[in-house]
Amino acid sequence: MADADDALFDGILEKVGNDGRFQRRFNYIFNVGAIMFASMSYMSIILVLNKPAHNCHVPGRELLNITDDELWRNLTLPREPDNKGIMSHSKCQMFNVTEDHLKIPYSEWSFRESDIIDCAYGYEYDRTYYDKTPITEHDWVCDKGFRETNIFVYNRFGELIGTFIFGQLGDTLGRRPVFYFSVVIITVGRLISMFTASIYIVFSIAAVLGSLTANSIFQAPLIIAMEVSKSERRGYISMMQCIGWTTGLCIMPMVFWATRDWFWALMLTTIPIFLFIFIPQYLIESPRWLATRGHYKRSMEQLRKIASVNGIRQLAFDELTLEKLFANRTVEKVYGMASLFSGWRMAKNTILCVSCWIVCCITYFTLVLLASRMDGNPFLNFLWQSAVELPAYKIGQIMSDSLGRRFSNSIAFIFATLLSIPVLFIVQNAEYEAMTTALTITIKLCVSINFFAVNLQSIEIYPTCLRQTGLSFAAIVANLFGILGPYVVYLGTEYDLRYPFVIIGLLSAFGAVCAMFLPETLHQALPESIEQAQKFGKDQGFWTLPKKPKGYGGTVELGQELEEGKRLKAADNQDEDEARG
């Protein structure tokens, strides 16, 4: 009976349409449109806190009629090695130019090491690309330079806390309300940030608020879509959301480039996601989740909505029949994230899956942060690294649906490791800047494939009652370790550019090993119960490629169950008539 139960809901969905107009409409609205705007709102903080090139403002050049900026910097700023090992003007120190110096020709100036002081008159910023950022408006540089890095860390903490709360709410309260909570919270957080940059503590709190639902806003529509679609479409659905994510990331730097002002850019990238609050008729609750929770009437209501949009007017079952079909099921007791470790195999899968998430999280956001902080146009750098994700997700889908999720994940990790090695030897050499950029973008492509595969695999190895909890737990632990990412970037931008790539290479090698020992999920029915998840992958061979099993889908079993449900319903009606007589 357990094997029939595995495919029972897939068969029900086949009757209402599991790959029709409803699924296409839902994916275009929520897994492309909503995710596009959600990614802009979520990732906008990275470009908001971009740190332009800067150095000390030294007054007095007007008195000497010096109009050449480079000459004035050579006269007033000491030199020190930058993060490429090249001697450059100091960002945070200056020579102590006094009134006595201004009374004599600057050609006679001489300074000793004891004349070097910290910036005393504020800072000058390179405004080639930005007119205003919180950093330039409030001088979050040098002794306040950690403010930017700390806000990124606070964001990770916010994601961690929010994912813990809303991830479990998704499996207890439902996917639909969690999506709406997520939209409201991320919008409010970003809007508060717009008006509080002058108060660092409040700005930081608002940044945390805006990141609380950063994971749940993506997870809820993805899980709903997968739970109302046929299993063969899971890779495609995941790719659809990835396209929405990447499209938003490509549009976002263009908005910042066009406005040049962080306030208006943040507003334009935040408001659109809130508009999805006003189209509730297009967002359903997962009928699969409702059925597993025993809410048969509500489940049937959602199934009718799907059937109606898909052009199916008559269904061979109703809520009473649905209840009869699932009468032998008991609503499982779920103990939150602790249930992810109930049984050795499920615990092993959780640990390996979380390890892959950690590697993806640190490497992905390290590369994203580096992109907008490297030499050249920060918006184009961000755009190219974002655009490479589009082919990456298509490649990820093709590999995942042919080689399987496990081998796709491992191969991408291995390539990221190998590509990091040559970068270490050329990243500090200006002559190889183009090659460094190309290799970095290729590493980003590999990491994006990893994100696609591990996200898909995470959804598929957990049972319905723990699906969002499992995905949320992985995101929580990944964010906990992801806190190190901003500091890795800080080491690279302030000290040595090689450090981030050393860490990326080592982590990717570790991820490749973990990915190899995860079970394959391609062509496998989604586990419906904790018991099934505890056995998932038990009989799989290590080197075998996934094959589509015969009779995949369970339609015959559903037909038999429906006939039995009709018979039981007719018998109940006859008993009621006899009782009235």
Protein backbone atom coordinates (compact mmCIF):
# COMPACT_ATOMS: atom_id res chain seq x y z
CA MET A 1 0.00 0.00 0.00
CA ALA A 2 2.93 2.33 0.68
CA ASP A 3 4.10 2.09 -2.95
CA ALA A 4 0.61 3.01 -4.19
CA ASP A 5 0.47 5.96 -1.79
CA ASP A 6 3.74 7.29 -3.22
CA ALA A 7 2.14 7.90 -6.61
CA LEU A 8 -1.44 8.53 -5.47
CA PHE A 9 -1.34 12.33 -5.43
CA ASP A 10 0.63 12.43 -8.68
CA GLY A 11 -2.23 10.49 -10.21
CA ILE A 12 -4.82 12.89 -8.78
CA LEU A 13 -2.92 15.82 -10.27
CA GLU A 14 -2.92 14.03 -13.62
CA LYS A 15 -6.73 14.06 -13.51
CA VAL A 16 -6.90 17.83 -12.88
CA GLY A 17 -3.97 18.63 -15.16
CA ASN A 18 -0.36 18.57 -13.99
CA ASP A 19 1.21 20.33 -16.98
CA GLY A 20 -1.45 22.66 -18.32
CA ARG A 21 -2.36 26.32 -18.54
CA PHE A 22 -2.59 26.69 -14.77
CA GLN A 23 0.99 25.52 -14.21
CA ARG A 24 2.32 27.71 -17.01
CA ARG A 25 0.48 30.77 -15.74
CA PHE A 26 1.59 30.17 -12.15
CA ASN A 27 5.23 29.78 -13.15
CA TYR A 28 5.28 32.89 -15.34
CA ILE A 29 3.61 35.05 -12.67
CA PHE A 30 5.33 33.81 -9.51
CA ASN A 31 8.45 31.82 -10.42
CA VAL A 32 9.56 34.32 -13.07
CA GLY A 33 7.81 37.65 -12.46
CA ALA A 34 7.67 37.72 -8.66
CA ILE A 35 11.11 36.17 -8.30
CA MET A 36 12.57 38.72 -10.73
CA PHE A 37 11.43 41.59 -8.51
CA ALA A 38 12.21 39.72 -5.29
CA SER A 39 15.82 39.18 -6.38
CA MET A 40 16.15 42.91 -7.14
CA SER A 41 14.81 43.86 -3.73
CA TYR A 42 16.91 41.27 -1.92
CA MET A 43 20.23 41.87 -3.71
CA SER A 44 19.94 45.66 -4.01
CA ILE A 45 21.74 46.10 -0.69
CA ILE A 46 24.96 44.94 -2.40
CA LEU A 47 24.98 47.84 -4.88
CA VAL A 48 23.58 50.26 -2.29
CA LEU A 49 26.68 49.63 -0.17
CA ASN A 50 29.19 49.76 -3.01
CA LYS A 51 32.35 51.48 -1.81
CA PRO A 52 33.75 53.83 -4.49
CA ALA A 53 37.46 54.55 -4.68
CA HIS A 54 38.38 57.20 -2.14
CA ASN A 55 41.22 59.03 -0.42
CA CYS A 56 41.70 61.85 2.03
CA HIS A 57 40.51 65.33 1.23
CA VAL A 58 43.46 67.69 1.77
CA PRO A 59 42.55 71.40 1.63
CA GLY A 60 44.83 74.06 0.20
CA ARG A 61 45.15 73.27 -3.51
CA GLU A 62 43.11 76.36 -4.43
CA LEU A 63 45.67 78.60 -2.75
CA LEU A 64 48.38 77.06 -4.89
CA ASN A 65 46.25 77.08 -8.06
CA ILE A 66 46.77 73.32 -8.60
CA THR A 67 44.12 71.92 -10.94
CA ASP A 68 45.75 68.57 -11.67
CA ASP A 69 44.18 65.97 -9.36
CA GLU A 70 46.99 63.46 -9.80
CA LEU A 71 49.64 66.09 -8.97
CA TRP A 72 47.81 67.07 -5.80
CA ARG A 73 47.49 63.43 -4.71
CA ASN A 74 51.20 62.85 -5.34
CA LEU A 75 52.01 65.85 -3.15
CA THR A 76 49.66 65.16 -0.25
CA LEU A 77 49.11 61.39 -0.03
CA PRO A 78 51.64 58.74 0.97
CA ARG A 79 51.86 55.48 -0.98
CA GLU A 80 51.21 51.96 0.24
CA PRO A 81 50.67 48.52 -1.37
CA ASP A 82 47.09 47.90 -2.52
CA ASN A 83 45.33 44.53 -2.68
CA LYS A 84 47.24 43.68 -5.89
CA GLY A 85 50.58 44.44 -4.30
CA ILE A 86 50.98 47.64 -6.34
CA MET A 87 52.15 50.88 -4.67
CA SER A 88 49.17 53.26 -4.75
CA HIS A 89 47.96 56.36 -2.98
CA SER A 90 46.79 55.71 0.56
CA LYS A 91 43.04 55.56 1.05
CA CYS A 92 43.00 56.54 4.70
CA GLN A 93 46.13 58.56 5.40
CA MET A 94 47.60 61.90 4.28
CA PHE A 95 50.62 64.07 4.80
CA ASN A 96 50.09 66.73 7.45
CA VAL A 97 50.00 69.78 5.18
CA THR A 98 50.16 72.86 7.41
CA GLU A 99 49.85 76.61 6.75
CA ASP A 100 53.63 76.79 6.64
CA HIS A 101 53.67 74.42 3.67
CA LEU A 102 51.13 76.57 1.83
CA LYS A 103 53.39 79.62 2.13
CA ILE A 104 56.23 78.07 0.12
CA PRO A 105 56.33 76.52 -3.41
CA TYR A 106 55.07 72.95 -3.38
CA SER A 107 58.26 71.86 -5.17
CA GLU A 108 60.08 72.49 -1.88
CA TRP A 109 57.76 70.32 0.22
CA SER A 110 59.24 67.35 2.03
CA PHE A 111 57.59 64.98 4.47
CA ARG A 112 58.86 62.37 6.86
CA GLU A 113 57.08 59.26 8.08
CA SER A 114 56.12 61.11 11.26
CA ASP A 115 54.18 63.61 9.10
CA ILE A 116 51.69 60.90 8.01
CA ILE A 117 48.33 61.24 9.76
CA ASP A 118 44.83 59.83 9.37
CA CYS A 119 42.38 61.75 7.19
CA ALA A 120 41.55 64.95 9.08
CA TYR A 121 39.28 66.82 6.65
CA GLY A 122 36.97 64.16 5.25
CA TYR A 123 37.24 62.20 2.03
CA GLU A 124 37.09 62.57 -1.72
CA TYR A 125 35.21 59.90 -3.66
CA ASP A 126 35.35 58.73 -7.24
CA ARG A 127 31.90 59.73 -8.53
CA THR A 128 32.29 58.24 -11.99
CA TYR A 129 29.44 55.81 -11.39
CA TYR A 130 27.67 56.95 -8.21
CA ASP A 131 26.50 60.39 -7.17
CA LYS A 132 25.30 59.19 -3.77
CA THR A 133 25.58 56.09 -1.62
CA PRO A 134 25.21 55.74 2.17
CA ILE A 135 28.98 55.29 2.26
CA THR A 136 29.76 58.55 0.47
CA GLU A 137 27.09 60.50 2.35
CA HIS A 138 28.20 59.37 5.81
CA ASP A 139 31.89 58.46 5.27
CA TRP A 140 31.65 54.74 6.08
CA VAL A 141 35.29 54.20 5.13
CA CYS A 142 38.64 53.72 6.87
CA ASP A 143 37.94 53.62 10.63
CA LYS A 144 34.25 53.08 9.75
CA GLY A 145 35.04 50.73 6.88
CA PHE A 146 33.73 47.68 8.72
CA ARG A 147 30.23 49.16 8.74
CA GLU A 148 29.60 48.00 5.21
CA THR A 149 30.97 44.51 5.90
CA ASN A 150 29.07 44.28 9.18
CA ILE A 151 25.77 45.12 7.49
CA PHE A 152 26.30 42.22 5.10
CA VAL A 153 26.95 40.02 8.11
CA TYR A 154 23.82 41.32 9.85
CA ASN A 155 21.93 40.46 6.66
CA ARG A 156 23.13 36.88 6.90
CA PHE A 157 21.98 36.72 10.51
CA GLY A 158 18.61 38.11 9.44
CA GLU A 159 18.31 35.45 6.76
CA LEU A 160 19.24 32.79 9.29
CA ILE A 161 16.59 33.86 11.81
CA GLY A 162 13.91 34.46 9.18
CA THR A 163 14.54 31.15 7.43
CA PHE A 164 14.28 29.31 10.74
CA ILE A 165 10.92 30.92 11.47
CA PHE A 166 9.28 31.08 8.05
CA GLY A 167 10.73 27.83 6.78
CA GLN A 168 8.88 25.88 9.45
CA LEU A 169 5.78 28.05 9.08
CA GLY A 170 5.68 26.97 5.45
CA ASP A 171 5.14 23.37 6.55
CA THR A 172 2.73 24.22 9.37
CA LEU A 173 0.85 27.38 8.37
CA GLY A 174 1.13 26.87 4.62
CA ARG A 175 3.17 28.04 1.63
CA ARG A 176 0.70 30.72 0.51
CA PRO A 177 0.55 32.88 3.70
CA VAL A 178 4.32 32.61 4.08
CA PHE A 179 4.77 34.10 0.61
CA TYR A 180 2.58 37.09 1.52
CA PHE A 181 4.37 37.61 4.85
CA SER A 182 7.67 37.48 2.96
CA VAL A 183 6.63 40.14 0.44
CA VAL A 184 5.44 42.56 3.13
CA ILE A 185 8.48 42.13 5.36
CA ILE A 186 11.14 42.50 2.66
CA THR A 187 9.36 45.58 1.29
CA VAL A 188 9.04 47.27 4.69
CA GLY A 189 12.67 46.54 5.56
CA ARG A 190 14.05 48.08 2.38
CA LEU A 191 11.78 51.13 2.57
CA ILE A 192 12.88 51.85 6.15
CA SER A 193 16.51 51.61 5.00
CA MET A 194 15.90 54.39 2.49
CA PHE A 195 15.20 56.94 5.23
CA THR A 196 17.57 55.86 8.00
CA ALA A 197 21.10 55.82 6.53
CA SER A 198 22.07 58.70 8.83
CA ILE A 199 21.29 56.50 11.86
CA TYR A 200 23.58 53.49 11.48
CA ILE A 201 21.89 51.31 14.11
CA VAL A 202 18.42 51.83 12.64
CA PHE A 203 19.75 51.29 9.11
CA SER A 204 21.32 48.01 10.23
CA ILE A 205 18.09 46.84 11.87
CA ALA A 206 16.15 47.70 8.71
CA ALA A 207 18.68 45.73 6.65
CA VAL A 208 18.11 42.72 8.90
CA LEU A 209 14.33 43.14 8.59
CA GLY A 210 14.64 43.28 4.81
CA SER A 211 16.56 40.01 4.77
CA LEU A 212 14.37 38.01 7.18
CA THR A 213 12.29 36.46 4.39
CA ALA A 214 15.01 36.36 1.74
CA ASN A 215 14.75 32.56 1.44
CA SER A 216 11.05 31.95 2.08
CA ILE A 217 9.99 34.41 -0.63
CA PHE A 218 11.73 32.14 -3.15
CA GLN A 219 10.92 28.79 -1.58
CA ALA A 220 7.14 29.15 -1.24
CA PRO A 221 6.20 29.58 -4.94
CA LEU A 222 8.82 27.05 -6.05
CA ILE A 223 7.50 24.35 -3.74
CA ILE A 224 3.86 25.05 -4.67
CA ALA A 225 4.74 24.76 -8.36
CA MET A 226 6.59 21.48 -7.90
CA GLU A 227 3.80 20.00 -5.79
CA VAL A 228 1.15 20.68 -8.46
CA SER A 229 3.20 19.58 -11.47
CA LYS A 230 4.30 16.26 -12.88
CA SER A 231 7.65 15.05 -11.63
CA GLU A 232 9.35 15.29 -15.04
CA ARG A 233 8.88 19.08 -14.92
CA ARG A 234 10.67 19.67 -11.62
CA GLY A 235 13.97 20.54 -13.30
CA TYR A 236 12.21 22.88 -15.72
CA ILE A 237 10.31 24.63 -12.91
CA SER A 238 13.52 25.16 -10.97
CA MET A 239 15.12 26.61 -14.11
CA MET A 240 12.14 28.98 -14.54
CA GLN A 241 12.73 30.42 -11.09
CA CYS A 242 16.46 30.68 -11.76
CA ILE A 243 15.67 32.66 -14.94
CA GLY A 244 13.47 35.01 -12.89
CA TRP A 245 16.25 35.42 -10.32
CA THR A 246 18.91 36.16 -12.91
CA THR A 247 16.73 38.50 -14.98
CA GLY A 248 16.21 40.60 -11.85
CA LEU A 249 19.95 40.64 -11.17
CA CYS A 250 20.63 41.83 -14.73
CA ILE A 251 18.05 44.62 -14.54
CA MET A 252 19.09 45.83 -11.09
CA PRO A 253 22.56 47.25 -11.96
CA MET A 254 21.00 49.04 -14.95
CA VAL A 255 18.57 50.78 -12.57
CA PHE A 256 21.46 51.87 -10.33
CA TRP A 257 23.50 53.00 -13.32
CA ALA A 258 20.60 55.05 -14.67
CA THR A 259 19.72 56.76 -11.37
CA ARG A 260 23.25 57.09 -9.90
CA ASP A 261 21.49 57.68 -6.57
CA TRP A 262 21.07 54.82 -4.11
CA PHE A 263 17.81 56.24 -2.65
CA TRP A 264 15.86 56.21 -5.91
CA ALA A 265 17.46 53.01 -7.11
CA LEU A 266 16.45 51.24 -3.90
CA MET A 267 12.89 52.52 -4.25
CA LEU A 268 12.60 51.41 -7.89
CA THR A 269 13.92 47.92 -7.08
CA THR A 270 11.69 47.46 -4.01
CA ILE A 271 8.18 48.69 -4.84
CA PRO A 272 7.40 46.24 -7.71
CA ILE A 273 7.47 43.10 -5.52
CA PHE A 274 4.80 44.58 -3.26
CA LEU A 275 2.35 44.72 -6.19
CA PHE A 276 2.00 40.92 -6.06
CA ILE A 277 -0.02 41.35 -2.86
CA PHE A 278 -2.88 42.59 -5.03
CA ILE A 279 -3.34 39.47 -7.18
CA PRO A 280 -4.30 36.80 -4.60
CA GLN A 281 -6.59 35.03 -7.09
CA TYR A 282 -3.55 33.67 -8.93
CA LEU A 283 -1.77 32.18 -5.91
CA ILE A 284 -3.11 28.89 -4.52
CA GLU A 285 -2.14 26.83 -1.52
CA SER A 286 -0.49 23.51 -2.30
CA PRO A 287 -3.27 20.88 -2.47
CA ARG A 288 -0.69 18.17 -1.83
CA TRP A 289 0.34 19.86 1.43
CA LEU A 290 -3.32 20.37 2.43
CA ALA A 291 -4.09 16.69 1.83
CA THR A 292 -1.12 15.51 3.90
CA ARG A 293 -2.33 17.79 6.72
CA GLY A 294 -5.84 16.32 6.56
CA HIS A 295 -7.50 19.43 5.08
CA TYR A 296 -9.36 17.53 2.36
CA LYS A 297 -12.04 20.14 1.67
CA ARG A 298 -9.51 22.93 1.14
CA SER A 299 -7.34 20.60 -0.92
CA MET A 300 -10.28 19.84 -3.16
CA GLU A 301 -11.00 23.56 -3.59
CA GLN A 302 -7.47 24.11 -4.87
CA LEU A 303 -7.70 21.08 -7.17
CA ARG A 304 -10.91 22.47 -8.67
CA LYS A 305 -9.17 25.79 -9.36
CA ILE A 306 -6.37 23.98 -11.17
CA ALA A 307 -8.83 21.86 -13.15
CA SER A 308 -10.92 24.90 -14.10
CA VAL A 309 -7.96 26.84 -15.51
CA ASN A 310 -6.76 23.71 -17.31
CA GLY A 311 -10.14 23.39 -19.01
CA ILE A 312 -11.38 20.37 -17.07
CA ARG A 313 -15.01 20.91 -15.98
CA GLN A 314 -15.90 17.54 -14.46
CA LEU A 315 -13.83 15.67 -11.89
CA ALA A 316 -14.34 12.02 -11.04
CA PHE A 317 -13.92 12.71 -7.33
CA ASP A 318 -14.81 15.25 -4.63
CA GLU A 319 -13.59 16.04 -1.11
CA LEU A 320 -15.35 13.03 0.39
CA THR A 321 -13.75 10.75 -2.17
CA LEU A 322 -10.39 12.41 -1.50
CA GLU A 323 -10.81 11.79 2.20
CA LYS A 324 -11.62 8.11 1.53
CA LEU A 325 -8.52 7.80 -0.64
CA PHE A 326 -6.32 9.10 2.15
CA ALA A 327 -8.23 7.50 4.99
CA ASN A 328 -5.44 5.01 5.61
CA ARG A 329 -2.96 7.84 6.02
CA THR A 330 -2.23 9.29 9.40
CA VAL A 331 -1.04 12.88 9.72
CA GLU A 332 2.56 12.44 10.78
CA LYS A 333 3.92 14.06 13.87
CA VAL A 334 6.59 16.47 12.77
CA TYR A 335 9.08 17.87 15.28
CA GLY A 336 10.36 20.71 13.15
CA MET A 337 13.98 20.53 12.06
CA ALA A 338 14.71 17.69 14.50
CA SER A 339 12.70 15.40 12.20
CA LEU A 340 15.34 15.89 9.50
CA PHE A 341 17.66 13.70 11.58
CA SER A 342 15.18 10.91 12.32
CA GLY A 343 17.06 7.88 11.02
CA TRP A 344 20.66 7.39 9.90
CA ARG A 345 20.04 7.69 6.15
CA MET A 346 17.91 10.82 6.43
CA ALA A 347 20.46 12.40 8.78
CA LYS A 348 23.29 11.55 6.37
CA ASN A 349 21.39 13.05 3.42
CA THR A 350 20.66 16.18 5.45
CA ILE A 351 24.31 16.66 6.46
CA LEU A 352 25.61 16.15 2.91
CA CYS A 353 22.95 18.39 1.42
CA VAL A 354 23.65 21.13 3.95
CA SER A 355 27.39 20.86 3.26
CA CYS A 356 26.75 21.47 -0.45
CA TRP A 357 24.57 24.44 0.45
CA ILE A 358 27.33 25.91 2.62
CA VAL A 359 29.85 25.71 -0.22
CA CYS A 360 27.39 27.21 -2.73
CA CYS A 361 26.40 30.01 -0.37
CA ILE A 362 29.92 31.14 0.52
CA THR A 363 31.32 30.89 -3.02
CA TYR A 364 28.30 32.45 -4.75
CA PHE A 365 28.04 35.52 -2.54
CA THR A 366 31.80 35.95 -2.38
CA LEU A 367 31.84 36.18 -6.18
CA VAL A 368 28.80 38.50 -6.25
CA LEU A 369 30.38 40.89 -3.73
CA LEU A 370 33.73 40.78 -5.52
CA ALA A 371 32.08 41.60 -8.86
CA SER A 372 30.95 45.06 -7.77
CA ARG A 373 34.22 45.79 -5.95
CA MET A 374 36.73 44.96 -8.65
CA ASP A 375 38.31 47.45 -11.04
CA GLY A 376 36.16 48.94 -13.81
CA ASN A 377 32.46 49.67 -14.05
CA PRO A 378 30.80 48.05 -10.99
CA PHE A 379 27.45 47.83 -12.77
CA LEU A 380 28.86 46.06 -15.83
CA ASN A 381 30.90 43.73 -13.62
CA PHE A 382 27.75 42.83 -11.72
CA LEU A 383 25.77 42.48 -14.95
CA TRP A 384 28.25 40.09 -16.63
CA GLN A 385 28.48 37.88 -13.57
CA SER A 386 24.69 37.83 -13.34
CA ALA A 387 24.11 37.23 -17.06
CA VAL A 388 26.34 34.15 -17.04
CA GLU A 389 23.79 32.51 -14.75
CA LEU A 390 21.26 32.26 -17.61
CA PRO A 391 23.26 29.72 -19.66
CA ALA A 392 24.38 28.12 -16.40
CA TYR A 393 20.84 27.27 -15.41
CA LYS A 394 20.03 25.86 -18.85
CA ILE A 395 23.19 23.78 -18.72
CA GLY A 396 22.24 22.76 -15.18
CA GLN A 397 18.79 21.66 -16.31
CA ILE A 398 20.16 19.62 -19.24
CA MET A 399 22.80 17.96 -17.07
CA SER A 400 20.39 17.35 -14.19
CA ASP A 401 17.81 15.76 -16.48
CA SER A 402 20.34 13.55 -18.27
CA LEU A 403 23.29 12.79 -15.98
CA GLY A 404 21.22 13.29 -12.85
CA ARG A 405 21.40 15.80 -10.01
CA ARG A 406 24.28 14.06 -8.19
CA PHE A 407 26.81 13.92 -11.05
CA SER A 408 25.87 17.39 -12.29
CA ASN A 409 26.55 18.84 -8.86
CA SER A 410 29.89 17.04 -8.50
CA ILE A 411 31.18 17.90 -11.98
CA ALA A 412 30.42 21.62 -11.52
CA PHE A 413 32.21 21.65 -8.15
CA ILE A 414 35.27 19.95 -9.68
CA PHE A 415 35.48 22.48 -12.52
CA ALA A 416 35.19 25.39 -10.06
CA THR A 417 38.12 23.92 -8.12
CA LEU A 418 40.30 23.54 -11.22
CA LEU A 419 39.50 27.02 -12.53
CA SER A 420 40.47 28.64 -9.21
CA ILE A 421 44.07 27.43 -9.54
CA PRO A 422 45.22 29.58 -12.51
CA VAL A 423 43.44 32.63 -11.06
CA LEU A 424 45.79 32.51 -8.06
CA PHE A 425 48.79 33.06 -10.36
CA ILE A 426 47.42 35.91 -12.48
CA VAL A 427 44.89 37.83 -10.37
CA GLN A 428 47.47 40.37 -9.16
CA ASN A 429 48.91 40.98 -12.63
CA ALA A 430 47.20 43.85 -14.45
CA GLU A 431 48.27 42.41 -17.84
CA TYR A 432 45.99 39.42 -17.30
CA GLU A 433 42.96 41.37 -16.05
CA ALA A 434 40.77 40.21 -18.98
CA MET A 435 41.75 36.58 -18.45
CA THR A 436 41.12 36.88 -14.71
CA THR A 437 37.67 38.30 -15.40
CA ALA A 438 36.89 35.49 -17.87
CA LEU A 439 38.00 32.79 -15.41
CA THR A 440 36.05 34.39 -12.58
CA ILE A 441 32.90 34.50 -14.71
CA THR A 442 33.41 30.84 -15.64
CA ILE A 443 33.75 29.94 -11.95
CA LYS A 444 30.49 31.82 -11.37
CA LEU A 445 28.90 29.70 -14.12
CA CYS A 446 29.97 26.51 -12.33
CA VAL A 447 28.72 27.78 -8.96
CA SER A 448 25.37 28.70 -10.55
CA ILE A 449 25.04 25.14 -11.88
CA ASN A 450 25.74 23.95 -8.34
CA PHE A 451 23.04 26.21 -6.94
CA PHE A 452 20.55 24.88 -9.49
CA ALA A 453 21.35 21.23 -8.79
CA VAL A 454 21.55 21.39 -5.00
CA ASN A 455 18.37 23.46 -4.73
CA LEU A 456 16.50 20.95 -6.87
CA GLN A 457 17.95 18.00 -4.97
CA SER A 458 17.11 19.54 -1.60
CA ILE A 459 13.44 19.79 -2.54
CA GLU A 460 13.31 16.22 -3.81
CA ILE A 461 14.91 14.25 -0.98
CA TYR A 462 12.51 15.44 1.74
CA PRO A 463 8.90 14.32 2.31
CA THR A 464 5.97 16.67 1.73
CA CYS A 465 5.52 17.35 5.45
CA LEU A 466 9.18 18.45 5.76
CA ARG A 467 9.94 19.83 2.30
CA GLN A 468 10.10 23.53 3.14
CA THR A 469 11.56 22.79 6.58
CA GLY A 470 14.39 20.80 4.99
CA LEU A 471 15.11 23.48 2.43
CA SER A 472 14.99 26.13 5.15
CA PHE A 473 17.34 24.20 7.44
CA ALA A 474 19.91 23.97 4.64
CA ALA A 475 19.57 27.72 4.03
CA ILE A 476 19.91 28.46 7.76
CA VAL A 477 23.16 26.56 8.20
CA ALA A 478 24.48 27.88 4.89
CA ASN A 479 23.75 31.45 6.01
CA LEU A 480 25.41 30.77 9.35
CA PHE A 481 28.64 29.85 7.58
CA GLY A 482 27.93 32.43 4.87
CA ILE A 483 28.60 35.10 7.47
CA LEU A 484 32.26 34.50 6.65
CA GLY A 485 31.70 35.53 3.01
CA PRO A 486 31.78 39.33 3.50
CA TYR A 487 34.99 39.00 5.53
CA VAL A 488 36.55 36.89 2.78
CA VAL A 489 35.72 39.70 0.35
CA TYR A 490 37.11 42.27 2.80
CA LEU A 491 40.41 40.36 2.90
CA GLY A 492 40.48 40.31 -0.89
CA THR A 493 39.62 43.98 -1.46
CA GLU A 494 41.72 45.42 1.37
CA TYR A 495 44.70 43.03 1.57
CA ASP A 496 45.28 40.38 -1.12
CA LEU A 497 43.02 39.47 -4.06
CA ARG A 498 44.23 35.87 -3.99
CA TYR A 499 42.63 35.03 -0.65
CA PRO A 500 39.04 34.68 -1.92
CA PHE A 501 40.08 32.32 -4.71
CA VAL A 502 42.07 30.10 -2.36
CA ILE A 503 38.96 29.70 -0.24
CA ILE A 504 36.68 29.17 -3.27
CA GLY A 505 38.95 26.41 -4.63
CA LEU A 506 39.20 24.53 -1.32
CA LEU A 507 35.47 24.77 -0.62
CA SER A 508 34.55 23.58 -4.12
CA ALA A 509 36.75 20.49 -3.71
CA PHE A 510 34.97 19.71 -0.44
CA GLY A 511 31.58 20.24 -2.12
CA ALA A 512 32.45 17.78 -4.90
CA VAL A 513 33.07 15.01 -2.36
CA CYS A 514 29.82 15.71 -0.48
CA ALA A 515 27.75 15.84 -3.68
CA MET A 516 28.96 12.41 -4.81
CA PHE A 517 27.47 10.72 -1.75
CA LEU A 518 24.01 12.26 -2.00
CA PRO A 519 21.25 10.01 -3.40
CA GLU A 520 20.08 10.53 -6.98
CA THR A 521 16.60 12.09 -7.19
CA LEU A 522 16.04 12.16 -10.97
CA HIS A 523 13.01 10.03 -12.00
CA GLN A 524 12.24 9.34 -8.35
CA ALA A 525 8.78 9.94 -6.87
CA LEU A 526 8.73 12.64 -4.20
CA PRO A 527 8.66 10.96 -0.77
CA GLU A 528 5.32 11.57 0.93
CA SER A 529 6.18 10.42 4.46
CA ILE A 530 9.13 10.53 6.83
CA GLU A 531 9.35 6.74 6.64
CA GLN A 532 9.79 6.87 2.87
CA ALA A 533 12.40 9.65 3.18
CA GLN A 534 14.34 7.50 5.66
CA LYS A 535 14.73 4.81 2.98
CA PHE A 536 15.31 7.15 0.08
CA GLY A 537 18.36 6.18 -1.99
CA LYS A 538 18.96 2.93 -0.12
CA ASP A 539 19.10 0.71 -3.20
CA GLN A 540 20.93 3.08 -5.55
CA GLY A 541 24.29 2.13 -7.03
CA PHE A 542 27.14 4.62 -6.70
CA TRP A 543 28.26 4.71 -10.35
CA THR A 544 24.92 4.06 -12.06
CA LEU A 545 23.19 6.74 -14.11
CA PRO A 546 19.49 7.31 -13.33
CA LYS A 547 16.92 5.56 -15.50
CA LYS A 548 13.23 6.30 -15.77
CA PRO A 549 11.43 3.35 -14.14
CA LYS A 550 8.67 1.51 -15.98
CA GLY A 551 5.11 2.48 -15.12
CA TYR A 552 6.32 5.73 -13.60
CA GLY A 553 3.39 7.91 -12.48
CA GLY A 554 0.97 5.53 -10.79
CA THR A 555 -2.13 6.23 -12.89
CA VAL A 556 -3.42 2.67 -12.66
CA GLU A 557 -3.27 2.67 -8.92
CA LEU A 558 -5.16 5.97 -8.83
CA GLY A 559 -7.91 4.63 -11.08
CA GLN A 560 -8.41 1.68 -8.78
CA GLU A 561 -8.45 3.97 -5.75
CA LEU A 562 -10.98 6.32 -7.37
CA GLU A 563 -13.33 3.45 -8.18
CA GLU A 564 -13.07 2.29 -4.60
CA GLY A 565 -13.71 5.85 -3.41
CA LYS A 566 -16.84 6.10 -5.57
CA ARG A 567 -18.11 2.76 -4.25
CA LEU A 568 -17.61 3.87 -0.63
CA LYS A 569 -19.30 7.21 -1.31
CA ALA A 570 -22.33 5.48 -2.90
CA ALA A 571 -22.55 3.13 0.07
CA ASP A 572 -22.50 6.07 2.50
CA ASN A 573 -25.28 7.82 0.55
CA GLN A 574 -27.38 4.64 0.60
CA ASP A 575 -26.91 4.32 4.37
CA GLU A 576 -27.99 7.94 4.84
CA ASP A 577 -31.14 7.37 2.71
CA GLU A 578 -32.05 4.27 4.70
CA ALA A 579 -31.53 6.18 7.96
CA ARG A 580 -33.89 8.94 6.81
CA GLY A 581 -36.47 6.31 5.70
